[in-house]
Amino acid sequence: MAIVLLRGGGDLATGVALRLHRAGLLVLITELPKPLAVRRTVAFCEAVYEGTSTVERVTSRRAGTFSELDRIWTDREIPVMVAPDLVEHPALDIAAIVDARLTKYPPETGRSSAPLVVGLGPGFTAGADCHAVVETQRGGTLGRVYWDGCALANTAAPDGDPSRVLRAPTGGVVTAHAAIGEPIAEGQAVADVAGVPVRSPIAGVLRGLIRPTLWVTAGLKIGDIDPRGVRDLCFLASDKALAIGGGVLEALLTRPDVRARLWA
């Protein structure tokens, strides 16, 4: 059976994977050796570190070889491989590639990589370096599929209140002082980087925190505070991630040739 290759396994990519998996598709996630997901409780890429990662009762499992993939799919799980440059392989029947790395730069691969190549967010141009682009910016066009042109330009600012984002004050190793889902007070030290405290400018709940012991660069997003303060939301795929996943599913269904291969 043909598969969808999903490049990236962060929280937005995980929303895509959930939508496709629940629609009965075989999905393979490829990742870096050390993923930098902030919303780790809802990121399938955590399987790279832990062996498995379960989000909303769907499990991803790290695969070390291509021979393991069939077993993982048979068990109704999503395989994750450390293979960031993989776009084709003789053992795989890839009907579509979804580039969910959110690099915001034009991809190094083009439309010829697969029958359908879908890019998420800015950096892609439908009709040039991919077949379709799915909008990732919140607002009236979130999840919309573009078959010509680009998504909205990168604003370099997070959705909503920018004060909720925690960034590394310097380069170095991250040490955590709070757990995801924990209530956070304004001014509380959530973590430190190379001994420099990272304090929350607002009160709320710790929605995400990059994996402790990782080395990060100055200015990198390492945490996320949710001012709504609802702990349960820290363990659910976001509305944004699922909306983007819906857009990807629409793109797959729009192409009859790809649809026939994926749902054969």
C-alpha atoms as a PDB file:
ATOM      1  CA  MET A   1       0.000   0.000   0.000  1.00  0.00           C
ATOM      2  CA  ALA A   2       1.200   3.521  -0.740  1.00  0.00           C
ATOM      3  CA  ILE A   3       2.220   5.811   2.118  1.00  0.00           C
ATOM      4  CA  VAL A   4       2.459   9.465   3.063  1.00  0.00           C
ATOM      5  CA  LEU A   5       5.953  10.583   4.052  1.00  0.00           C
ATOM      6  CA  LEU A   6       5.729  13.298   6.693  1.00  0.00           C
ATOM      7  CA  ARG A   7       8.919  15.299   7.104  1.00  0.00           C
ATOM      8  CA  GLY A   8       8.963  16.448  10.719  1.00  0.00           C
ATOM      9  CA  GLY A   9       7.223  15.237  13.858  1.00  0.00           C
ATOM     10  CA  GLY A  10       6.676  18.371  15.949  1.00  0.00           C
ATOM     11  CA  ASP A  11       3.329  19.414  17.390  1.00  0.00           C
ATOM     12  CA  LEU A  12       1.871  20.778  14.137  1.00  0.00           C
ATOM     13  CA  ALA A  13       3.141  17.787  12.155  1.00  0.00           C
ATOM     14  CA  THR A  14       1.601  15.534  14.806  1.00  0.00           C
ATOM     15  CA  GLY A  15      -1.803  17.124  14.178  1.00  0.00           C
ATOM     16  CA  VAL A  16      -1.366  16.245  10.506  1.00  0.00           C
ATOM     17  CA  ALA A  17      -0.295  12.695  11.349  1.00  0.00           C
ATOM     18  CA  LEU A  18      -3.333  12.215  13.602  1.00  0.00           C
ATOM     19  CA  ARG A  19      -5.736  13.323  10.866  1.00  0.00           C
ATOM     20  CA  LEU A  20      -4.151  11.086   8.234  1.00  0.00           C
ATOM     21  CA  HIS A  21      -3.806   8.077  10.538  1.00  0.00           C
ATOM     22  CA  ARG A  22      -7.447   8.321  11.605  1.00  0.00           C
ATOM     23  CA  ALA A  23      -8.438   8.480   7.934  1.00  0.00           C
ATOM     24  CA  GLY A  24      -6.838   5.064   7.451  1.00  0.00           C
ATOM     25  CA  LEU A  25      -3.583   6.133   5.801  1.00  0.00           C
ATOM     26  CA  LEU A  26      -0.103   4.748   6.377  1.00  0.00           C
ATOM     27  CA  VAL A  27       2.179   7.548   7.575  1.00  0.00           C
ATOM     28  CA  LEU A  28       5.955   7.524   7.999  1.00  0.00           C
ATOM     29  CA  ILE A  29       7.528  10.379   9.967  1.00  0.00           C
ATOM     30  CA  THR A  30      11.168  11.308   9.376  1.00  0.00           C
ATOM     31  CA  GLU A  31      13.081  13.363  11.899  1.00  0.00           C
ATOM     32  CA  LEU A  32      16.420  14.791  12.980  1.00  0.00           C
ATOM     33  CA  PRO A  33      18.662  12.880  15.420  1.00  0.00           C
ATOM     34  CA  LYS A  34      17.811  15.466  18.120  1.00  0.00           C
ATOM     35  CA  PRO A  35      14.357  17.003  17.560  1.00  0.00           C
ATOM     36  CA  LEU A  36      13.728  20.351  19.257  1.00  0.00           C
ATOM     37  CA  ALA A  37       9.991  20.113  19.923  1.00  0.00           C
ATOM     38  CA  VAL A  38       8.659  22.475  22.593  1.00  0.00           C
ATOM     39  CA  ARG A  39       5.193  20.923  22.946  1.00  0.00           C
ATOM     40  CA  ARG A  40       6.718  17.526  23.667  1.00  0.00           C
ATOM     41  CA  THR A  41       3.568  15.997  25.161  1.00  0.00           C
ATOM     42  CA  VAL A  42       1.848  16.260  21.764  1.00  0.00           C
ATOM     43  CA  ALA A  43       4.787  15.582  19.447  1.00  0.00           C
ATOM     44  CA  PHE A  44       5.355  12.206  17.815  1.00  0.00           C
ATOM     45  CA  CYS A  45       9.036  13.089  17.359  1.00  0.00           C
ATOM     46  CA  GLU A  46       9.547  12.297  21.053  1.00  0.00           C
ATOM     47  CA  ALA A  47       9.709   8.654  19.947  1.00  0.00           C
ATOM     48  CA  VAL A  48      13.253   9.438  18.763  1.00  0.00           C
ATOM     49  CA  TYR A  49      14.270   9.804  22.417  1.00  0.00           C
ATOM     50  CA  GLU A  50      11.818   7.546  24.232  1.00  0.00           C
ATOM     51  CA  GLY A  51      11.200   4.785  21.695  1.00  0.00           C
ATOM     52  CA  THR A  52       7.468   5.569  21.632  1.00  0.00           C
ATOM     53  CA  SER A  53       5.231   8.606  22.003  1.00  0.00           C
ATOM     54  CA  THR A  54       1.467   8.479  22.497  1.00  0.00           C
ATOM     55  CA  VAL A  55      -0.775  11.421  21.627  1.00  0.00           C
ATOM     56  CA  GLU A  56      -4.555  11.148  21.953  1.00  0.00           C
ATOM     57  CA  ARG A  57      -4.344   7.334  22.129  1.00  0.00           C
ATOM     58  CA  VAL A  58      -2.286   7.076  18.920  1.00  0.00           C
ATOM     59  CA  THR A  59       1.276   5.796  19.324  1.00  0.00           C
ATOM     60  CA  SER A  60       4.355   6.555  17.279  1.00  0.00           C
ATOM     61  CA  ARG A  61       7.268   4.143  17.464  1.00  0.00           C
ATOM     62  CA  ARG A  62      10.885   4.622  16.488  1.00  0.00           C
ATOM     63  CA  ALA A  63      11.976   2.359  13.623  1.00  0.00           C
ATOM     64  CA  GLY A  64      15.660   1.678  13.162  1.00  0.00           C
ATOM     65  CA  THR A  65      15.341  -0.190   9.856  1.00  0.00           C
ATOM     66  CA  PHE A  66      12.917  -0.301   6.941  1.00  0.00           C
ATOM     67  CA  SER A  67      12.140  -3.923   7.756  1.00  0.00           C
ATOM     68  CA  GLU A  68      10.404  -2.768  10.967  1.00  0.00           C
ATOM     69  CA  LEU A  69       7.883  -0.543   9.199  1.00  0.00           C
ATOM     70  CA  ASP A  70       5.330  -3.188   8.187  1.00  0.00           C
ATOM     71  CA  ARG A  71       5.097  -4.502  11.746  1.00  0.00           C
ATOM     72  CA  ILE A  72       4.538  -1.019  13.146  1.00  0.00           C
ATOM     73  CA  TRP A  73       1.839  -0.237  10.586  1.00  0.00           C
ATOM     74  CA  THR A  74       0.193  -3.607  11.232  1.00  0.00           C
ATOM     75  CA  ASP A  75       0.016  -2.673  14.926  1.00  0.00           C
ATOM     76  CA  ARG A  76      -1.809   0.549  13.943  1.00  0.00           C
ATOM     77  CA  GLU A  77       1.099   2.711  15.032  1.00  0.00           C
ATOM     78  CA  ILE A  78       3.052   5.439  13.246  1.00  0.00           C
ATOM     79  CA  PRO A  79       6.733   4.759  12.569  1.00  0.00           C
ATOM     80  CA  VAL A  80       9.312   7.471  13.169  1.00  0.00           C
ATOM     81  CA  MET A  81      12.742   7.187  11.551  1.00  0.00           C
ATOM     82  CA  VAL A  82      15.826   9.327  12.028  1.00  0.00           C
ATOM     83  CA  ALA A  83      16.275  10.029   8.320  1.00  0.00           C
ATOM     84  CA  PRO A  84      15.968  13.794   7.741  1.00  0.00           C
ATOM     85  CA  ASP A  85      17.022  13.614   4.085  1.00  0.00           C
ATOM     86  CA  LEU A  86      14.798  10.680   3.095  1.00  0.00           C
ATOM     87  CA  VAL A  87      12.441  11.488   0.206  1.00  0.00           C
ATOM     88  CA  GLU A  88      12.562   8.191  -1.658  1.00  0.00           C
ATOM     89  CA  HIS A  89      13.594   4.588  -1.078  1.00  0.00           C
ATOM     90  CA  PRO A  90      13.107   1.410  -3.131  1.00  0.00           C
ATOM     91  CA  ALA A  91      11.345  -0.244  -0.191  1.00  0.00           C
ATOM     92  CA  LEU A  92       8.712   2.512  -0.004  1.00  0.00           C
ATOM     93  CA  ASP A  93       5.788   3.371  -2.255  1.00  0.00           C
ATOM     94  CA  ILE A  94       5.537   7.093  -1.498  1.00  0.00           C
ATOM     95  CA  ALA A  95       2.385   8.627  -2.954  1.00  0.00           C
ATOM     96  CA  ALA A  96       2.753  11.979  -1.192  1.00  0.00           C
ATOM     97  CA  ILE A  97       5.302  13.965   0.778  1.00  0.00           C
ATOM     98  CA  VAL A  98       4.206  16.514   3.375  1.00  0.00           C
ATOM     99  CA  ASP A  99       6.988  18.875   4.387  1.00  0.00           C
ATOM    100  CA  ALA A 100       6.068  19.856   7.950  1.00  0.00           C
ATOM    101  CA  ARG A 101       9.484  21.024   9.098  1.00  0.00           C
ATOM    102  CA  LEU A 102       8.326  24.680   9.128  1.00  0.00           C
ATOM    103  CA  THR A 103      11.758  25.967   8.179  1.00  0.00           C
ATOM    104  CA  LYS A 104      10.135  28.971   6.430  1.00  0.00           C
ATOM    105  CA  TYR A 105      12.704  28.621   3.646  1.00  0.00           C
ATOM    106  CA  PRO A 106      12.292  27.153   0.148  1.00  0.00           C
ATOM    107  CA  PRO A 107      12.779  23.370   0.340  1.00  0.00           C
ATOM    108  CA  GLU A 108      15.797  21.620  -1.125  1.00  0.00           C
ATOM    109  CA  THR A 109      13.486  19.118  -2.824  1.00  0.00           C
ATOM    110  CA  GLY A 110      10.945  19.974  -5.504  1.00  0.00           C
ATOM    111  CA  ARG A 111       7.713  18.714  -7.007  1.00  0.00           C
ATOM    112  CA  SER A 112       9.487  15.780  -8.646  1.00  0.00           C
ATOM    113  CA  SER A 113      10.067  14.109  -5.257  1.00  0.00           C
ATOM    114  CA  ALA A 114       6.596  12.501  -5.232  1.00  0.00           C
ATOM    115  CA  PRO A 115       3.307  12.499  -7.167  1.00  0.00           C
ATOM    116  CA  LEU A 116       2.045  15.049  -4.617  1.00  0.00           C
ATOM    117  CA  VAL A 117       4.253  17.334  -2.531  1.00  0.00           C
ATOM    118  CA  VAL A 118       2.525  19.492   0.089  1.00  0.00           C
ATOM    119  CA  GLY A 119       4.320  22.247   1.988  1.00  0.00           C
ATOM    120  CA  LEU A 120       3.145  23.738   5.271  1.00  0.00           C
ATOM    121  CA  GLY A 121       3.307  27.494   5.710  1.00  0.00           C
ATOM    122  CA  PRO A 122       5.616  30.167   4.295  1.00  0.00           C
ATOM    123  CA  GLY A 123       8.689  29.272   2.267  1.00  0.00           C
ATOM    124  CA  PHE A 124       6.812  27.163  -0.285  1.00  0.00           C
ATOM    125  CA  THR A 125       5.369  28.235  -3.621  1.00  0.00           C
ATOM    126  CA  ALA A 126       2.626  26.027  -5.040  1.00  0.00           C
ATOM    127  CA  GLY A 127       3.282  25.300  -8.685  1.00  0.00           C
ATOM    128  CA  ALA A 128       7.013  25.923  -8.286  1.00  0.00           C
ATOM    129  CA  ASP A 129       8.664  23.884  -5.507  1.00  0.00           C
ATOM    130  CA  CYS A 130       5.587  21.925  -4.424  1.00  0.00           C
ATOM    131  CA  HIS A 131       2.110  21.104  -5.698  1.00  0.00           C
ATOM    132  CA  ALA A 132       0.116  22.589  -2.820  1.00  0.00           C
ATOM    133  CA  VAL A 133       0.659  24.782   0.239  1.00  0.00           C
ATOM    134  CA  VAL A 134      -1.409  24.675   3.430  1.00  0.00           C
ATOM    135  CA  GLU A 135      -1.841  27.887   5.415  1.00  0.00           C
ATOM    136  CA  THR A 136      -0.409  27.729   8.956  1.00  0.00           C
ATOM    137  CA  GLN A 137      -1.136  31.250  10.207  1.00  0.00           C
ATOM    138  CA  ARG A 138      -4.111  31.660  12.513  1.00  0.00           C
ATOM    139  CA  GLY A 139      -7.047  33.602  11.125  1.00  0.00           C
ATOM    140  CA  GLY A 140      -9.669  33.182   8.474  1.00  0.00           C
ATOM    141  CA  THR A 141      -7.367  31.270   6.109  1.00  0.00           C
ATOM    142  CA  LEU A 142      -5.877  28.756   8.577  1.00  0.00           C
ATOM    143  CA  GLY A 143      -5.827  25.289   6.980  1.00  0.00           C
ATOM    144  CA  ARG A 144      -6.701  26.617   3.522  1.00  0.00           C
ATOM    145  CA  VAL A 145      -5.079  24.787   0.578  1.00  0.00           C
ATOM    146  CA  TYR A 146      -3.348  26.860  -2.100  1.00  0.00           C
ATOM    147  CA  TRP A 147      -2.712  25.235  -5.485  1.00  0.00           C
ATOM    148  CA  ASP A 148      -1.074  28.384  -6.786  1.00  0.00           C
ATOM    149  CA  GLY A 149       1.125  30.872  -4.948  1.00  0.00           C
ATOM    150  CA  CYS A 150       2.207  31.036  -1.311  1.00  0.00           C
ATOM    151  CA  ALA A 151       0.916  31.039   2.226  1.00  0.00           C
ATOM    152  CA  LEU A 152       0.841  34.280   4.199  1.00  0.00           C
ATOM    153  CA  ALA A 153       4.301  35.739   4.796  1.00  0.00           C
ATOM    154  CA  ASN A 154       6.212  34.832   7.929  1.00  0.00           C
ATOM    155  CA  THR A 155       5.538  37.458  10.593  1.00  0.00           C
ATOM    156  CA  ALA A 156       8.425  36.263  12.810  1.00  0.00           C
ATOM    157  CA  ALA A 157       5.964  36.541  15.722  1.00  0.00           C
ATOM    158  CA  PRO A 158       4.005  33.790  17.489  1.00  0.00           C
ATOM    159  CA  ASP A 159       0.236  33.523  17.218  1.00  0.00           C
ATOM    160  CA  GLY A 160      -1.645  35.446  19.896  1.00  0.00           C
ATOM    161  CA  ASP A 161       0.234  36.947  22.867  1.00  0.00           C
ATOM    162  CA  PRO A 162       4.004  36.989  22.156  1.00  0.00           C
ATOM    163  CA  SER A 163       4.739  37.172  25.888  1.00  0.00           C
ATOM    164  CA  ARG A 164       3.732  33.526  26.264  1.00  0.00           C
ATOM    165  CA  VAL A 165       6.834  32.378  24.358  1.00  0.00           C
ATOM    166  CA  LEU A 166      10.001  31.639  26.340  1.00  0.00           C
ATOM    167  CA  ARG A 167      13.317  32.012  24.526  1.00  0.00           C
ATOM    168  CA  ALA A 168      16.843  30.997  25.418  1.00  0.00           C
ATOM    169  CA  PRO A 169      18.679  33.996  26.915  1.00  0.00           C
ATOM    170  CA  THR A 170      22.017  32.547  25.840  1.00  0.00           C
ATOM    171  CA  GLY A 171      23.473  29.467  24.230  1.00  0.00           C
ATOM    172  CA  GLY A 172      23.937  26.386  26.381  1.00  0.00           C
ATOM    173  CA  VAL A 173      22.308  23.362  27.979  1.00  0.00           C
ATOM    174  CA  VAL A 174      18.699  23.554  29.171  1.00  0.00           C
ATOM    175  CA  THR A 175      17.804  22.626  32.751  1.00  0.00           C
ATOM    176  CA  ALA A 176      14.114  22.386  33.635  1.00  0.00           C
ATOM    177  CA  HIS A 177      12.623  23.746  36.871  1.00  0.00           C
ATOM    178  CA  ALA A 178       8.995  22.940  36.049  1.00  0.00           C
ATOM    179  CA  ALA A 179       7.057  20.203  34.260  1.00  0.00           C
ATOM    180  CA  ILE A 180       4.685  20.553  31.330  1.00  0.00           C
ATOM    181  CA  GLY A 181       1.152  21.013  32.684  1.00  0.00           C
ATOM    182  CA  GLU A 182       2.361  22.687  35.891  1.00  0.00           C
ATOM    183  CA  PRO A 183       0.815  26.018  37.012  1.00  0.00           C
ATOM    184  CA  ILE A 184       3.279  28.887  36.577  1.00  0.00           C
ATOM    185  CA  ALA A 185       3.338  32.222  38.394  1.00  0.00           C
ATOM    186  CA  GLU A 186       4.419  35.469  36.784  1.00  0.00           C
ATOM    187  CA  GLY A 187       8.172  35.826  37.216  1.00  0.00           C
ATOM    188  CA  GLN A 188       8.712  32.162  38.092  1.00  0.00           C
ATOM    189  CA  ALA A 189      11.907  30.534  36.816  1.00  0.00           C
ATOM    190  CA  VAL A 190      10.678  27.798  34.486  1.00  0.00           C
ATOM    191  CA  ALA A 191      14.152  26.701  33.375  1.00  0.00           C
ATOM    192  CA  ASP A 192      17.677  27.934  32.943  1.00  0.00           C
ATOM    193  CA  VAL A 193      20.106  27.881  30.048  1.00  0.00           C
ATOM    194  CA  ALA A 194      23.760  27.594  31.037  1.00  0.00           C
ATOM    195  CA  GLY A 195      22.730  28.796  34.500  1.00  0.00           C
ATOM    196  CA  VAL A 196      20.823  31.862  33.258  1.00  0.00           C
ATOM    197  CA  PRO A 197      17.199  31.769  34.514  1.00  0.00           C
ATOM    198  CA  VAL A 198      14.291  31.758  32.083  1.00  0.00           C
ATOM    199  CA  ARG A 199      11.382  33.455  33.856  1.00  0.00           C
ATOM    200  CA  SER A 200       7.777  33.520  32.741  1.00  0.00           C
ATOM    201  CA  PRO A 201       6.505  37.039  32.072  1.00  0.00           C
ATOM    202  CA  ILE A 202       2.902  35.889  32.603  1.00  0.00           C
ATOM    203  CA  ALA A 203       0.936  33.515  34.797  1.00  0.00           C
ATOM    204  CA  GLY A 204      -0.606  30.402  33.340  1.00  0.00           C
ATOM    205  CA  VAL A 205       0.263  26.773  32.762  1.00  0.00           C
ATOM    206  CA  LEU A 206       3.478  25.438  31.209  1.00  0.00           C
ATOM    207  CA  ARG A 207       2.201  24.260  27.824  1.00  0.00           C
ATOM    208  CA  GLY A 208       5.576  23.269  26.428  1.00  0.00           C
ATOM    209  CA  LEU A 209       9.249  23.098  27.309  1.00  0.00           C
ATOM    210  CA  ILE A 210      12.095  21.893  25.145  1.00  0.00           C
ATOM    211  CA  ARG A 211      13.714  18.652  26.254  1.00  0.00           C
ATOM    212  CA  PRO A 212      16.092  19.213  29.190  1.00  0.00           C
ATOM    213  CA  THR A 213      19.822  18.504  28.621  1.00  0.00           C
ATOM    214  CA  LEU A 214      19.614  19.699  25.006  1.00  0.00           C
ATOM    215  CA  TRP A 215      22.037  22.400  23.874  1.00  0.00           C
ATOM    216  CA  VAL A 216      20.249  25.388  22.386  1.00  0.00           C
ATOM    217  CA  THR A 217      21.235  28.633  20.709  1.00  0.00           C
ATOM    218  CA  ALA A 218      20.456  32.095  22.062  1.00  0.00           C
ATOM    219  CA  GLY A 219      16.997  33.296  21.055  1.00  0.00           C
ATOM    220  CA  LEU A 220      15.611  29.831  20.295  1.00  0.00           C
ATOM    221  CA  LYS A 221      12.054  29.203  21.438  1.00  0.00           C
ATOM    222  CA  ILE A 222      12.313  26.809  24.367  1.00  0.00           C
ATOM    223  CA  GLY A 223       8.994  27.170  26.184  1.00  0.00           C
ATOM    224  CA  ASP A 224       5.342  28.148  25.946  1.00  0.00           C
ATOM    225  CA  ILE A 225       3.047  29.487  28.666  1.00  0.00           C
ATOM    226  CA  ASP A 226      -0.714  29.168  28.185  1.00  0.00           C
ATOM    227  CA  PRO A 227      -2.471  32.021  30.050  1.00  0.00           C
ATOM    228  CA  ARG A 228      -5.768  30.090  29.965  1.00  0.00           C
ATOM    229  CA  GLY A 229      -4.312  27.867  32.663  1.00  0.00           C
ATOM    230  CA  VAL A 230      -6.134  24.701  31.540  1.00  0.00           C
ATOM    231  CA  ARG A 231      -3.848  21.736  32.206  1.00  0.00           C
ATOM    232  CA  ASP A 232      -5.722  19.259  29.992  1.00  0.00           C
ATOM    233  CA  LEU A 233      -5.016  21.354  26.887  1.00  0.00           C
ATOM    234  CA  CYS A 234      -1.292  20.679  27.337  1.00  0.00           C
ATOM    235  CA  PHE A 235      -1.925  17.068  26.367  1.00  0.00           C
ATOM    236  CA  LEU A 236      -4.192  17.585  23.338  1.00  0.00           C
ATOM    237  CA  ALA A 237      -3.249  18.426  19.768  1.00  0.00           C
ATOM    238  CA  SER A 238      -4.104  22.069  19.191  1.00  0.00           C
ATOM    239  CA  ASP A 239      -6.987  23.343  17.088  1.00  0.00           C
ATOM    240  CA  LYS A 240      -4.353  24.856  14.807  1.00  0.00           C
ATOM    241  CA  ALA A 241      -2.542  21.547  14.294  1.00  0.00           C
ATOM    242  CA  LEU A 242      -5.779  19.720  13.500  1.00  0.00           C
ATOM    243  CA  ALA A 243      -6.926  22.465  11.103  1.00  0.00           C
ATOM    244  CA  ILE A 244      -3.654  22.165   9.203  1.00  0.00           C
ATOM    245  CA  GLY A 245      -4.099  18.394   9.189  1.00  0.00           C
ATOM    246  CA  GLY A 246      -7.532  18.882   7.664  1.00  0.00           C
ATOM    247  CA  GLY A 247      -5.989  20.982   4.909  1.00  0.00           C
ATOM    248  CA  VAL A 248      -3.446  18.269   4.132  1.00  0.00           C
ATOM    249  CA  LEU A 249      -6.199  15.656   4.018  1.00  0.00           C
ATOM    250  CA  GLU A 250      -8.135  17.865   1.578  1.00  0.00           C
ATOM    251  CA  ALA A 251      -5.061  18.148  -0.653  1.00  0.00           C
ATOM    252  CA  LEU A 252      -4.663  14.358  -0.748  1.00  0.00           C
ATOM    253  CA  LEU A 253      -8.324  13.825  -1.578  1.00  0.00           C
ATOM    254  CA  THR A 254      -8.304  16.480  -4.298  1.00  0.00           C
ATOM    255  CA  ARG A 255      -5.868  14.539  -6.464  1.00  0.00           C
ATOM    256  CA  PRO A 256      -7.668  11.440  -7.886  1.00  0.00           C
ATOM    257  CA  ASP A 257      -4.412   9.638  -8.742  1.00  0.00           C
ATOM    258  CA  VAL A 258      -3.018  10.070  -5.236  1.00  0.00           C
ATOM    259  CA  ARG A 259      -6.354   9.258  -3.606  1.00  0.00           C
ATOM    260  CA  ALA A 260      -6.605   6.003  -5.528  1.00  0.00           C
ATOM    261  CA  ARG A 261      -3.131   4.902  -4.424  1.00  0.00           C
ATOM    262  CA  LEU A 262      -3.519   5.847  -0.762  1.00  0.00           C
ATOM    263  CA  TRP A 263      -6.951   4.352  -0.247  1.00  0.00           C
ATOM    264  CA  ALA A 264      -6.446   1.330  -2.515  1.00  0.00           C
END
